Amino acid sequence: MKVGDLVKCIFQPKTSRVENDIAIRMEHKIKGELGIIVSISSYGTPKVMFPQLGGYEHPLAYTALEVLA
């Protein structure tokens, strides 16, 4: 996978982020949604943007993504 790839999310996270050591509940349903890989962290974790969700971005493991042609 690389930046610019169109992907389908096959996992639904329970949390969106951690703030002050508290997990914040996920406000979007992303399982089954299409997204675009917009960056890959130095740890190798891709960040996916979901344009249909107002441009929401979420870091996801490669195992949570399926690359589409």
N, C-alpha and C. Protein backbone atom coordinates (compact mmCIF):
# COMPACT_ATOMS: atom_id res chain seq x y z
N MET A 1 0.84 -1.18 0.00
CA MET A 1 0.00 0.00 0.00
C MET A 1 0.88 1.24 0.00
N LYS A 2 0.36 2.27 -0.65
CA LYS A 2 1.12 3.52 -0.73
C LYS A 2 0.17 4.71 -0.71
N VAL A 3 0.72 5.88 -0.49
CA VAL A 3 -0.07 7.11 -0.48
C VAL A 3 -0.79 7.23 -1.83
N GLY A 4 -2.07 7.55 -1.77
CA GLY A 4 -2.88 7.70 -2.97
C GLY A 4 -3.73 6.49 -3.29
N ASP A 5 -3.46 5.35 -2.65
CA ASP A 5 -4.25 4.15 -2.90
C ASP A 5 -5.68 4.32 -2.40
N LEU A 6 -6.63 3.80 -3.17
CA LEU A 6 -8.02 3.74 -2.77
C LEU A 6 -8.20 2.46 -1.97
N VAL A 7 -8.76 2.58 -0.77
CA VAL A 7 -8.90 1.42 0.11
C VAL A 7 -10.32 1.32 0.66
N LYS A 8 -10.66 0.13 1.09
CA LYS A 8 -11.92 -0.12 1.77
C LYS A 8 -11.58 -0.52 3.19
N CYS A 9 -12.24 0.10 4.16
CA CYS A 9 -12.01 -0.22 5.57
C CYS A 9 -12.80 -1.47 5.92
N ILE A 10 -12.15 -2.47 6.53
CA ILE A 10 -12.83 -3.71 6.90
C ILE A 10 -12.85 -3.90 8.42
N PHE A 11 -12.68 -2.82 9.15
CA PHE A 11 -12.65 -2.86 10.61
C PHE A 11 -13.33 -1.61 11.16
N GLN A 12 -14.05 -1.76 12.26
CA GLN A 12 -14.67 -0.60 12.91
C GLN A 12 -14.02 -0.34 14.26
N PRO A 13 -13.20 0.71 14.38
CA PRO A 13 -12.59 1.05 15.66
C PRO A 13 -13.65 1.52 16.67
N LYS A 14 -13.41 1.26 17.93
CA LYS A 14 -14.31 1.73 19.00
C LYS A 14 -13.96 3.15 19.43
N THR A 15 -12.67 3.53 19.26
CA THR A 15 -12.24 4.87 19.68
C THR A 15 -11.62 5.62 18.50
N SER A 16 -11.71 6.94 18.56
CA SER A 16 -11.14 7.75 17.49
C SER A 16 -9.76 8.28 17.83
N ARG A 17 -9.51 8.48 19.14
CA ARG A 17 -8.22 9.04 19.57
C ARG A 17 -8.14 8.94 21.09
N VAL A 18 -6.98 9.31 21.62
CA VAL A 18 -6.79 9.37 23.07
C VAL A 18 -6.42 10.80 23.43
N GLU A 19 -7.13 11.39 24.38
CA GLU A 19 -6.84 12.73 24.88
C GLU A 19 -6.69 12.67 26.38
N ASN A 20 -5.58 13.17 26.89
CA ASN A 20 -5.32 13.20 28.33
C ASN A 20 -5.52 11.81 28.96
N ASP A 21 -4.99 10.79 28.28
CA ASP A 21 -5.07 9.40 28.74
C ASP A 21 -6.49 8.85 28.78
N ILE A 22 -7.41 9.46 28.04
CA ILE A 22 -8.80 8.99 27.98
C ILE A 22 -9.15 8.69 26.53
N ALA A 23 -9.66 7.47 26.29
CA ALA A 23 -10.07 7.07 24.95
C ALA A 23 -11.39 7.77 24.60
N ILE A 24 -11.41 8.41 23.43
CA ILE A 24 -12.59 9.13 22.95
C ILE A 24 -13.36 8.22 21.99
N ARG A 25 -14.66 8.06 22.24
CA ARG A 25 -15.50 7.18 21.43
C ARG A 25 -15.49 7.59 19.96
N MET A 26 -15.50 6.61 19.09
CA MET A 26 -15.52 6.83 17.65
C MET A 26 -16.89 7.36 17.24
N GLU A 27 -16.90 8.52 16.56
CA GLU A 27 -18.17 9.14 16.17
C GLU A 27 -18.60 8.78 14.75
N HIS A 28 -17.73 8.14 13.98
CA HIS A 28 -18.04 7.79 12.59
C HIS A 28 -18.09 6.27 12.41
N LYS A 29 -18.92 5.83 11.48
CA LYS A 29 -18.92 4.43 11.08
C LYS A 29 -18.05 4.35 9.83
N ILE A 30 -16.88 3.71 9.94
CA ILE A 30 -15.98 3.64 8.79
C ILE A 30 -15.87 2.25 8.19
N LYS A 31 -16.35 1.23 8.90
CA LYS A 31 -16.30 -0.12 8.34
C LYS A 31 -17.15 -0.16 7.08
N GLY A 32 -16.55 -0.64 5.99
CA GLY A 32 -17.25 -0.71 4.71
C GLY A 32 -17.12 0.54 3.87
N GLU A 33 -16.54 1.60 4.44
CA GLU A 33 -16.40 2.87 3.71
C GLU A 33 -15.11 2.87 2.86
N LEU A 34 -15.14 3.64 1.78
CA LEU A 34 -13.97 3.82 0.93
C LEU A 34 -13.18 5.03 1.40
N GLY A 35 -11.87 4.94 1.30
CA GLY A 35 -11.01 6.04 1.69
C GLY A 35 -9.75 6.08 0.85
N ILE A 36 -8.95 7.09 1.07
CA ILE A 36 -7.69 7.27 0.34
C ILE A 36 -6.57 7.39 1.35
N ILE A 37 -5.49 6.65 1.13
CA ILE A 37 -4.32 6.77 2.01
C ILE A 37 -3.67 8.12 1.73
N VAL A 38 -3.60 8.98 2.76
CA VAL A 38 -3.05 10.32 2.57
C VAL A 38 -1.64 10.46 3.12
N SER A 39 -1.25 9.57 4.02
CA SER A 39 0.12 9.60 4.54
C SER A 39 0.42 8.26 5.21
N ILE A 40 1.71 8.04 5.42
CA ILE A 40 2.17 6.85 6.15
C ILE A 40 3.17 7.34 7.18
N SER A 41 2.90 7.03 8.46
CA SER A 41 3.76 7.51 9.55
C SER A 41 5.13 6.86 9.48
N SER A 42 6.04 7.38 10.28
CA SER A 42 7.39 6.81 10.34
C SER A 42 7.37 5.39 10.91
N TYR A 43 6.28 5.04 11.59
CA TYR A 43 6.11 3.68 12.11
C TYR A 43 5.50 2.76 11.06
N GLY A 44 5.07 3.32 9.92
CA GLY A 44 4.48 2.54 8.85
C GLY A 44 2.97 2.44 8.90
N THR A 45 2.34 3.24 9.76
CA THR A 45 0.88 3.20 9.88
C THR A 45 0.25 4.17 8.87
N PRO A 46 -0.63 3.66 8.00
CA PRO A 46 -1.27 4.56 7.04
C PRO A 46 -2.39 5.38 7.69
N LYS A 47 -2.51 6.63 7.26
CA LYS A 47 -3.63 7.48 7.67
C LYS A 47 -4.56 7.56 6.47
N VAL A 48 -5.83 7.25 6.72
CA VAL A 48 -6.82 7.19 5.65
C VAL A 48 -7.81 8.34 5.79
N MET A 49 -8.07 9.02 4.67
CA MET A 49 -9.07 10.08 4.65
C MET A 49 -10.35 9.53 4.04
N PHE A 50 -11.47 9.86 4.68
CA PHE A 50 -12.78 9.46 4.21
C PHE A 50 -13.52 10.72 3.76
N PRO A 51 -13.44 11.07 2.45
CA PRO A 51 -14.06 12.31 1.96
C PRO A 51 -15.56 12.41 2.24
N GLN A 52 -16.27 11.29 2.18
CA GLN A 52 -17.71 11.28 2.38
C GLN A 52 -18.09 11.56 3.83
N LEU A 53 -17.11 11.54 4.74
CA LEU A 53 -17.35 11.84 6.15
C LEU A 53 -16.77 13.21 6.49
N GLY A 54 -16.81 14.11 5.56
CA GLY A 54 -16.32 15.47 5.78
C GLY A 54 -14.82 15.57 5.82
N GLY A 55 -14.13 14.61 5.19
CA GLY A 55 -12.67 14.63 5.18
C GLY A 55 -12.05 14.04 6.44
N TYR A 56 -12.84 13.29 7.22
CA TYR A 56 -12.32 12.67 8.44
C TYR A 56 -11.12 11.79 8.12
N GLU A 57 -10.06 11.91 8.92
CA GLU A 57 -8.85 11.10 8.75
C GLU A 57 -8.64 10.23 9.98
N HIS A 58 -8.20 8.98 9.74
CA HIS A 58 -8.00 8.05 10.85
C HIS A 58 -6.82 7.14 10.52
N PRO A 59 -5.89 6.95 11.47
CA PRO A 59 -4.81 5.99 11.25
C PRO A 59 -5.34 4.57 11.45
N LEU A 60 -4.97 3.69 10.55
CA LEU A 60 -5.45 2.30 10.62
C LEU A 60 -4.32 1.34 10.28
N ALA A 61 -4.36 0.16 10.85
CA ALA A 61 -3.39 -0.88 10.52
C ALA A 61 -3.66 -1.38 9.10
N TYR A 62 -2.62 -1.87 8.44
CA TYR A 62 -2.78 -2.41 7.10
C TYR A 62 -3.81 -3.55 7.09
N THR A 63 -3.90 -4.31 8.18
CA THR A 63 -4.82 -5.43 8.24
C THR A 63 -6.28 -4.97 8.28
N ALA A 64 -6.52 -3.70 8.53
CA ALA A 64 -7.89 -3.15 8.58
C ALA A 64 -8.30 -2.59 7.22
N LEU A 65 -7.42 -2.72 6.23
CA LEU A 65 -7.67 -2.12 4.92
C LEU A 65 -7.56 -3.14 3.79
N GLU A 66 -8.36 -2.91 2.77
CA GLU A 66 -8.32 -3.73 1.57
C GLU A 66 -8.08 -2.76 0.40
N VAL A 67 -7.01 -2.99 -0.36
CA VAL A 67 -6.70 -2.11 -1.49
C VAL A 67 -7.64 -2.42 -2.65
N LEU A 68 -8.18 -1.38 -3.24
CA LEU A 68 -9.04 -1.51 -4.42
C LEU A 68 -8.24 -1.09 -5.64
N ALA A 69 -8.58 -1.64 -6.77
CA ALA A 69 -7.85 -1.35 -8.02
C ALA A 69 -7.77 0.10 -8.19
